[in-house]
Protein backbone atom coordinates (compact mmCIF):
# COMPACT_ATOMS: atom_id res chain seq x y z
CA MET A 1 15.13 25.63 11.98
CA GLU A 2 17.89 23.28 10.87
CA HIS A 3 20.18 24.18 7.96
CA VAL A 4 21.12 21.36 5.57
CA ASP A 5 22.77 21.16 2.18
CA VAL A 6 20.43 18.54 0.69
CA LEU A 7 16.96 17.60 1.92
CA VAL A 8 15.59 14.42 0.32
CA VAL A 9 11.83 13.95 0.58
CA GLY A 10 11.15 10.23 0.25
CA GLY A 11 12.71 7.38 2.21
CA GLY A 12 12.17 4.68 -0.39
CA LEU A 13 14.71 2.88 -2.54
CA ILE A 14 15.58 5.85 -4.77
CA GLY A 15 15.72 8.60 -2.14
CA LEU A 16 17.82 6.46 0.21
CA SER A 17 20.15 5.54 -2.65
CA LEU A 18 20.85 9.22 -3.30
CA ALA A 19 21.46 9.88 0.40
CA ALA A 20 23.78 6.87 0.66
CA ALA A 21 25.68 7.98 -2.46
CA LEU A 22 26.30 11.38 -0.82
CA ARG A 23 27.72 10.02 2.44
CA ASP A 24 31.29 10.67 1.30
CA SER A 25 30.56 14.20 -0.01
CA ALA A 26 31.05 16.15 3.27
CA LEU A 27 27.59 17.64 2.69
CA LYS A 28 24.86 17.63 5.31
CA VAL A 29 22.08 15.41 3.94
CA THR A 30 18.73 14.72 5.61
CA VAL A 31 15.90 12.39 4.51
CA VAL A 32 12.22 12.77 5.49
CA ASP A 33 9.36 10.38 4.81
CA GLN A 34 5.69 10.42 5.74
CA GLN A 35 5.59 6.65 6.30
CA PRO A 36 6.77 4.90 9.48
CA MET A 37 10.20 3.33 9.35
CA PRO A 38 9.88 0.04 7.45
CA SER A 39 10.74 -3.16 9.25
CA LEU A 40 11.94 -6.44 7.86
CA PRO A 41 9.56 -9.40 8.18
CA GLU A 42 10.72 -12.20 10.42
CA GLN A 43 12.75 -14.82 8.63
CA HIS A 44 11.04 -18.18 8.52
CA ALA A 45 11.24 -21.31 6.43
CA LYS A 46 8.91 -21.68 3.46
CA SER A 47 5.71 -23.53 4.37
CA ARG A 48 2.62 -24.55 2.42
CA GLU A 49 -0.77 -26.01 3.28
CA GLY A 50 -2.61 -26.95 0.13
CA TYR A 51 -2.18 -23.96 -2.19
CA ALA A 52 -1.72 -21.52 0.70
CA LEU A 53 1.96 -20.53 0.66
CA LEU A 54 3.92 -18.66 3.32
CA SER A 55 7.08 -17.73 1.44
CA GLY A 56 8.50 -15.16 3.86
CA ILE A 57 9.03 -12.86 0.88
CA LYS A 58 7.32 -9.51 0.49
CA PRO A 59 6.01 -9.13 -3.07
CA GLY A 60 7.98 -5.96 -3.91
CA VAL A 61 11.08 -7.04 -5.85
CA SER A 62 13.25 -5.37 -8.49
CA ALA A 63 15.15 -6.76 -11.46
CA LEU A 64 18.41 -4.80 -11.43
CA GLY A 65 20.67 -4.41 -14.44
CA ILE A 66 24.43 -4.65 -14.05
CA THR A 67 24.90 -0.87 -13.84
CA SER A 68 22.30 -0.51 -11.07
CA TRP A 69 23.74 -3.50 -9.25
CA THR A 70 27.26 -2.05 -9.36
CA PHE A 71 26.03 1.34 -8.08
CA LEU A 72 24.12 -0.21 -5.17
CA ASN A 73 26.99 -2.48 -4.14
CA LYS A 74 29.26 0.55 -4.07
CA ILE A 75 26.99 2.59 -1.79
CA ALA A 76 25.31 -0.13 0.29
CA GLY A 77 27.69 -3.08 0.34
CA THR A 78 26.85 -6.65 -0.58
CA ILE A 79 23.10 -7.09 -1.08
CA PRO A 80 21.27 -10.44 -0.81
CA SER A 81 20.06 -11.24 -4.30
CA THR A 82 19.39 -13.87 -6.93
CA ARG A 83 21.21 -13.64 -10.22
CA TYR A 84 19.46 -14.39 -13.50
CA ASP A 85 21.46 -15.70 -16.44
CA ASP A 86 18.74 -15.74 -19.08
CA VAL A 87 15.55 -13.97 -20.11
CA GLU A 88 12.90 -15.81 -22.12
CA VAL A 89 9.98 -13.96 -23.73
CA TRP A 90 6.87 -15.53 -25.29
CA ASP A 91 4.03 -14.00 -27.33
CA SER A 92 0.79 -15.98 -26.90
CA GLY A 93 2.43 -19.18 -28.07
CA THR A 94 3.35 -17.75 -31.50
CA GLY A 95 6.83 -16.36 -30.88
CA ARG A 96 9.72 -16.74 -28.48
CA VAL A 97 13.05 -15.02 -27.83
CA ASP A 98 15.78 -16.48 -25.62
CA PHE A 99 18.33 -13.86 -24.48
CA GLY A 100 20.66 -16.33 -22.77
CA THR A 101 24.35 -15.63 -23.45
CA GLY A 102 26.05 -17.57 -20.67
CA GLU A 103 26.62 -14.32 -18.76
CA VAL A 104 24.89 -12.84 -15.72
CA LEU A 105 22.19 -10.49 -17.05
CA GLY A 106 21.07 -9.01 -13.74
CA TYR A 107 19.95 -9.61 -10.18
CA ILE A 108 16.59 -9.93 -8.45
CA VAL A 109 16.48 -8.18 -5.07
CA GLU A 110 13.79 -7.95 -2.41
CA ASN A 111 13.06 -4.24 -2.08
CA ASN A 112 12.48 -4.29 1.68
CA ARG A 113 15.86 -5.92 2.33
CA LEU A 114 17.61 -3.48 0.02
CA VAL A 115 15.90 -0.54 1.76
CA ALA A 116 16.99 -1.92 5.15
CA ALA A 117 20.62 -2.03 3.97
CA LEU A 118 20.38 1.55 2.73
CA ILE A 119 18.81 2.77 5.99
CA GLU A 120 21.77 1.28 7.87
CA LYS A 121 24.22 3.10 5.57
CA VAL A 122 22.45 6.47 5.72
CA GLY A 123 22.33 6.31 9.52
CA GLN A 124 20.52 8.69 11.85
CA SER A 125 19.75 11.49 9.40
CA ILE A 126 16.31 10.11 8.51
CA HIS A 127 13.00 11.38 9.95
CA TRP A 128 10.09 8.95 9.63
CA ALA A 129 6.32 9.41 9.89
CA ILE A 130 6.24 13.16 9.24
CA GLU A 131 4.26 14.76 6.42
CA LEU A 132 5.24 17.81 4.39
CA THR A 133 3.03 20.78 5.23
CA ASN A 134 4.74 23.66 3.45
CA ILE A 135 7.48 24.43 0.94
CA GLU A 136 8.62 28.02 0.48
CA LYS A 137 11.16 29.24 -2.09
CA VAL A 138 13.86 31.49 -0.66
CA ASP A 139 16.84 33.13 -2.36
CA ASP A 140 19.33 30.36 -1.60
CA GLY A 141 17.09 27.29 -1.62
CA TYR A 142 13.89 26.24 0.12
CA ARG A 143 12.33 26.45 3.52
CA VAL A 144 10.50 23.18 4.25
CA CYS A 145 8.10 22.37 7.09
CA ALA A 146 7.00 18.89 8.10
CA GLY A 147 5.16 18.27 11.36
CA ASP A 148 6.90 20.21 14.12
CA LEU A 149 10.20 20.28 12.21
CA SER A 150 11.54 22.74 9.65
CA TRP A 151 14.65 22.99 7.49
CA HIS A 152 16.42 25.45 5.30
CA THR A 153 18.01 23.52 2.43
CA ARG A 154 20.15 24.60 -0.50
CA LEU A 155 18.81 21.68 -2.56
CA LEU A 156 15.40 20.05 -2.17
CA VAL A 157 15.04 16.62 -3.82
CA GLY A 158 11.65 15.09 -4.51
CA ALA A 159 11.98 11.31 -4.32
CA ASP A 160 8.46 10.81 -2.96
CA GLY A 161 6.86 8.68 -5.65
CA SER A 162 4.38 9.17 -8.47
CA ASN A 163 2.03 11.30 -6.33
CA SER A 164 4.97 13.50 -5.30
CA ALA A 165 3.99 16.17 -2.79
CA VAL A 166 7.16 18.06 -3.70
CA ARG A 167 6.23 18.19 -7.39
CA LYS A 168 2.71 19.35 -6.56
CA LEU A 169 3.70 21.93 -3.94
CA VAL A 170 6.16 23.63 -6.31
CA ASP A 171 3.71 23.25 -9.22
CA LEU A 172 5.89 21.38 -11.70
CA PRO A 173 3.50 20.12 -14.43
CA ALA A 174 3.49 16.48 -15.53
CA LEU A 175 1.89 14.51 -18.32
CA GLN A 176 -0.05 11.51 -17.04
CA TRP A 177 -2.32 8.79 -18.34
CA ARG A 178 -3.57 5.61 -16.74
CA TYR A 179 -3.60 2.19 -18.35
CA ASP A 180 -6.74 0.11 -18.15
CA GLN A 181 -4.75 -2.36 -16.07
CA LYS A 182 -3.51 -3.14 -12.60
CA GLY A 183 -0.45 -5.12 -11.64
CA VAL A 184 -1.10 -8.23 -9.54
CA VAL A 185 1.94 -9.31 -7.52
CA THR A 186 2.68 -12.29 -5.31
CA THR A 187 5.15 -15.13 -4.76
CA ILE A 188 4.46 -18.62 -6.06
CA GLU A 189 6.00 -22.06 -5.62
CA THR A 190 6.48 -23.88 -8.92
CA GLU A 191 6.70 -27.59 -9.65
CA LYS A 192 9.88 -27.26 -11.72
CA PRO A 193 12.97 -25.24 -10.73
CA HIS A 194 13.26 -21.82 -12.35
CA GLY A 195 16.92 -22.32 -13.30
CA ASN A 196 17.76 -18.64 -12.65
CA ILE A 197 15.80 -17.61 -15.75
CA ALA A 198 13.51 -14.57 -15.85
CA ARG A 199 10.45 -15.31 -17.97
CA GLN A 200 7.73 -13.14 -19.52
CA TRP A 201 4.59 -13.94 -21.49
CA PHE A 202 2.61 -11.45 -23.57
CA THR A 203 -0.91 -12.88 -23.56
CA GLU A 204 -4.37 -11.79 -24.67
CA SER A 205 -5.28 -10.98 -21.05
CA GLY A 206 -2.10 -9.09 -20.16
CA VAL A 207 1.61 -9.47 -19.42
CA LEU A 208 2.88 -12.10 -16.97
CA ALA A 209 6.42 -12.16 -15.57
CA PHE A 210 8.13 -14.82 -13.43
CA LEU A 211 11.22 -13.54 -11.59
CA PRO A 212 13.51 -16.18 -10.02
CA LEU A 213 14.18 -16.04 -6.27
CA ALA A 214 16.87 -17.69 -4.10
CA ASP A 215 14.75 -20.81 -3.58
CA ASP A 216 14.85 -22.79 -6.85
CA HIS A 217 11.08 -23.27 -6.74
CA LEU A 218 10.01 -19.75 -5.75
CA CYS A 219 9.24 -16.96 -8.23
CA SER A 220 7.99 -13.45 -7.69
CA ILE A 221 5.30 -12.72 -10.27
CA VAL A 222 3.86 -9.57 -11.80
CA TYR A 223 0.65 -10.00 -13.82
CA SER A 224 -0.49 -6.81 -15.56
CA THR A 225 -4.13 -7.24 -16.58
CA SER A 226 -7.36 -5.34 -17.09
CA ASP A 227 -9.34 -7.82 -14.95
CA ALA A 228 -7.13 -7.61 -11.87
CA ASP A 229 -10.08 -7.39 -9.47
CA ASP A 230 -11.46 -10.68 -10.82
CA VAL A 231 -7.99 -12.22 -10.56
CA LEU A 232 -7.75 -11.20 -6.91
CA ALA A 233 -11.16 -12.76 -6.27
CA LEU A 234 -10.10 -16.17 -7.64
CA ASP A 235 -9.33 -18.86 -5.09
CA ASP A 236 -5.76 -20.18 -5.09
CA ALA A 237 -6.59 -23.28 -7.13
CA ALA A 238 -8.27 -21.25 -9.87
CA PHE A 239 -5.44 -18.71 -9.88
CA SER A 240 -2.91 -21.53 -10.17
CA GLU A 241 -4.85 -22.90 -13.15
CA ARG A 242 -4.84 -19.49 -14.84
CA LEU A 243 -1.09 -19.08 -14.27
CA GLY A 244 -0.50 -22.51 -15.79
CA ILE A 245 -2.41 -21.58 -18.94
CA LEU A 246 -0.76 -18.17 -19.32
CA SER A 247 2.75 -19.55 -18.71
CA GLU A 248 2.17 -22.53 -21.02
CA GLN A 249 3.10 -24.79 -18.07
CA THR A 250 6.75 -23.89 -18.61
CA LEU A 251 7.49 -24.51 -14.91
CA GLY A 252 4.59 -26.86 -14.38
CA PRO A 253 1.66 -25.91 -12.14
CA ALA A 254 1.91 -23.38 -9.33
CA LEU A 255 1.84 -25.58 -6.25
CA GLY A 256 1.54 -22.68 -3.79
CA ILE A 257 0.30 -19.08 -3.89
CA ASP A 258 1.23 -16.43 -1.33
CA LYS A 259 -1.02 -13.45 -0.55
CA ARG A 260 -1.84 -11.36 -3.63
CA PHE A 261 -1.69 -7.56 -3.95
CA SER A 262 -2.48 -5.13 -6.76
CA PHE A 263 -1.48 -1.62 -7.82
CA PRO A 264 -2.70 0.70 -10.63
CA LEU A 265 -0.52 1.16 -13.71
CA GLN A 266 0.17 4.55 -15.24
CA GLN A 267 2.59 6.45 -17.43
CA GLN A 268 3.71 9.82 -16.08
CA HIS A 269 6.45 12.26 -16.94
CA SER A 270 7.30 15.60 -15.39
CA LEU A 271 7.87 18.24 -18.06
CA SER A 272 10.89 19.42 -16.08
CA TYR A 273 12.99 17.57 -13.52
CA VAL A 274 14.65 20.66 -12.07
CA THR A 275 14.23 24.26 -11.08
CA SER A 276 16.55 26.46 -9.06
CA GLY A 277 17.31 24.65 -5.80
CA LEU A 278 15.12 21.63 -6.60
CA ALA A 279 15.34 18.29 -8.44
CA LEU A 280 12.99 15.34 -8.96
CA ILE A 281 14.22 11.75 -9.18
CA GLY A 282 12.63 8.32 -9.63
CA ASP A 283 8.84 8.01 -9.78
CA ALA A 284 8.46 11.65 -8.71
CA ALA A 285 9.88 12.52 -12.15
CA HIS A 286 8.65 9.60 -14.27
CA THR A 287 6.76 6.32 -14.14
CA ILE A 288 6.45 3.66 -16.83
CA HIS A 289 4.62 0.39 -17.45
CA PRO A 290 6.39 -2.43 -15.55
CA LEU A 291 6.42 -4.84 -18.50
CA ALA A 292 10.23 -4.70 -18.87
CA GLY A 293 11.05 -4.14 -15.20
CA GLN A 294 12.98 -0.91 -15.88
CA GLY A 295 11.34 1.44 -13.33
CA ALA A 296 13.81 0.85 -10.49
CA ASN A 297 16.78 0.92 -12.87
CA LEU A 298 15.77 4.32 -14.25
CA GLY A 299 15.29 5.72 -10.74
CA LEU A 300 18.67 4.41 -9.59
CA ALA A 301 20.31 5.93 -12.67
CA ASP A 302 18.69 9.26 -11.66
CA ALA A 303 20.13 8.95 -8.13
CA ALA A 304 23.60 8.04 -9.41
CA CYS A 305 23.65 10.92 -11.91
CA LEU A 306 22.33 13.53 -9.46
CA SER A 307 24.81 12.44 -6.78
CA MET A 308 27.68 13.03 -9.22
CA VAL A 309 26.33 16.47 -10.15
CA ILE A 310 26.03 17.42 -6.47
CA LYS A 311 29.58 16.24 -5.76
CA GLN A 312 30.82 18.23 -8.75
CA ALA A 313 29.12 21.33 -7.30
CA LYS A 314 30.96 20.74 -4.02
CA LEU A 315 34.32 20.46 -5.81
CA GLU A 316 33.63 23.68 -7.73
CA GLY A 317 32.56 25.56 -4.60
CA ARG A 318 29.02 26.01 -5.92
CA SER A 319 25.68 25.44 -4.25
CA PRO A 320 24.18 21.95 -4.77
CA GLY A 321 21.05 23.79 -5.91
CA ASP A 322 22.84 25.70 -8.69
CA LEU A 323 20.41 25.56 -11.62
CA ALA A 324 23.11 25.34 -14.30
CA LEU A 325 24.52 22.24 -12.62
CA LEU A 326 21.09 20.70 -12.05
CA LYS A 327 20.37 21.12 -15.75
CA ARG A 328 23.32 18.80 -16.43
CA TYR A 329 21.44 16.12 -14.51
CA GLN A 330 18.24 16.84 -16.44
CA ARG A 331 19.96 16.75 -19.84
CA GLU A 332 21.62 13.41 -19.11
CA ARG A 333 18.61 11.67 -17.62
CA LEU A 334 15.72 13.14 -19.63
CA LYS A 335 16.72 11.59 -22.95
CA ASP A 336 17.21 8.11 -21.48
CA ASN A 337 13.99 8.21 -19.45
CA VAL A 338 11.89 9.48 -22.36
CA ALA A 339 13.41 6.93 -24.74
CA THR A 340 12.67 4.08 -22.33
CA ALA A 341 9.13 5.35 -21.66
CA THR A 342 8.49 5.57 -25.41
CA LEU A 343 9.77 2.03 -25.97
CA MET A 344 7.58 0.69 -23.14
CA GLU A 345 4.56 2.42 -24.68
CA ILE A 346 5.30 0.92 -28.09
CA LEU A 347 5.71 -2.56 -26.58
CA PHE A 348 2.53 -2.20 -24.53
CA ARG A 349 0.45 -1.05 -27.49
CA GLY A 350 2.07 -3.45 -29.94
CA PHE A 351 1.86 -6.60 -27.83
CA GLY A 352 -1.57 -5.59 -26.53
CA SER A 353 -3.10 -5.66 -30.01
CA GLN A 354 -4.96 -8.82 -31.00
CA ASN A 355 -5.22 -7.80 -34.64
CA PRO A 356 -4.18 -10.86 -36.73
CA GLY A 357 -1.77 -8.76 -38.78
CA ALA A 358 -0.12 -7.34 -35.66
CA LYS A 359 0.18 -10.83 -34.14
CA TRP A 360 1.77 -12.16 -37.34
CA LEU A 361 4.22 -9.24 -37.41
CA ARG A 362 5.17 -9.79 -33.75
CA SER A 363 5.76 -13.48 -34.34
CA LYS A 364 8.00 -12.81 -37.34
CA GLY A 365 9.81 -10.02 -35.51
CA MET A 366 10.50 -12.18 -32.48
CA LYS A 367 11.89 -14.95 -34.71
CA ILE A 368 14.20 -12.46 -36.41
CA VAL A 369 15.45 -11.22 -33.02
CA ASP A 370 15.86 -14.79 -31.71
CA ASP A 371 17.93 -15.73 -34.77
CA SER A 372 20.14 -12.63 -34.54
CA PRO A 373 22.94 -12.60 -31.92
CA LEU A 374 23.60 -8.93 -32.81
CA LEU A 375 20.02 -7.79 -32.15
CA LYS A 376 19.83 -9.79 -28.92
CA SER A 377 23.13 -8.30 -27.80
CA MET A 378 21.85 -4.76 -28.50
CA ILE A 379 18.64 -5.37 -26.54
CA LYS A 380 20.59 -6.96 -23.69
CA ARG A 381 22.91 -3.94 -23.48
CA PHE A 382 19.89 -1.62 -23.40
CA ALA A 383 18.26 -3.58 -20.57
CA THR A 384 21.35 -4.04 -18.40
CA SER A 385 23.13 -0.70 -18.82
CA ARG A 386 20.84 1.29 -16.52
């Protein structure tokens, strides 16, 4: 059995960010993940035959606020990314808000390339393709078994996603409900350049987002809709036509469509993030609707906050699993995560309603926001400060 100070279960973006942030702490940190080690796709030039696009870009991307971007650059070095200087939001053709201020609002990053950079920083202390089989509470932490390996850790961190095995094995309850939607993701080539603007449309069939990529004519899209299976069944020409209608042809027609994928959408929140010797971060603790692209930012804020609490424990000569210290992390992150989840729920329900009165109110509200530099500045600060 190996003795470690911190055992992170989950080798995705959030778990690796925590491990990378602890590299300078003089603590022994190990990461385990049930998936094989991810590999970067081969770099190749964009190509298209008819509508069939080979973009060379995996569909998982994140829109990072300035705070998240600063944290990641500190722990992982310079990350390939695309800045966005403006966010434009439409509501079914009746309202529009332009958040452009002449400043950089955030950065779009390809998740697989960011994960690769974090793996390089964390180094050899990662075990891939092993599944948790047992977690046992002991006086000074946890005893964890995975495959043929076992560890004694003073702090166990669950960073293993919305179906967290850690959360389930230690029986931390969570509230959960599914939306009658799936998210459809892919990369498209547009006729007009995106101009480093992130765009989002609230439509009768769901929420559509275009996120700008390094190529001026490539956008990563997320389309949250209740008829995702029908959308996946459309041929590329029909899907391009639908995108054109939903996006009001803002960037012209979609000339090329890469392979499409879908994932279920749900809201979930653990009633507690911590217990003695254990903490949950990222999707293991909370998931939200992706309509504002805040999921990764909230998870990274969790990792940054918990890393500071762990370092403080080291300075004070206390165990990283000290419950009083872990509760500092929970107090700081719980209020922000719950507030953001509540706002996303309000936006989802409000923009999802097709009641004429609700549509009129949204249109008027969006015009008020668009005409108010103060309100736009407040919303911008909320979106970029995590």
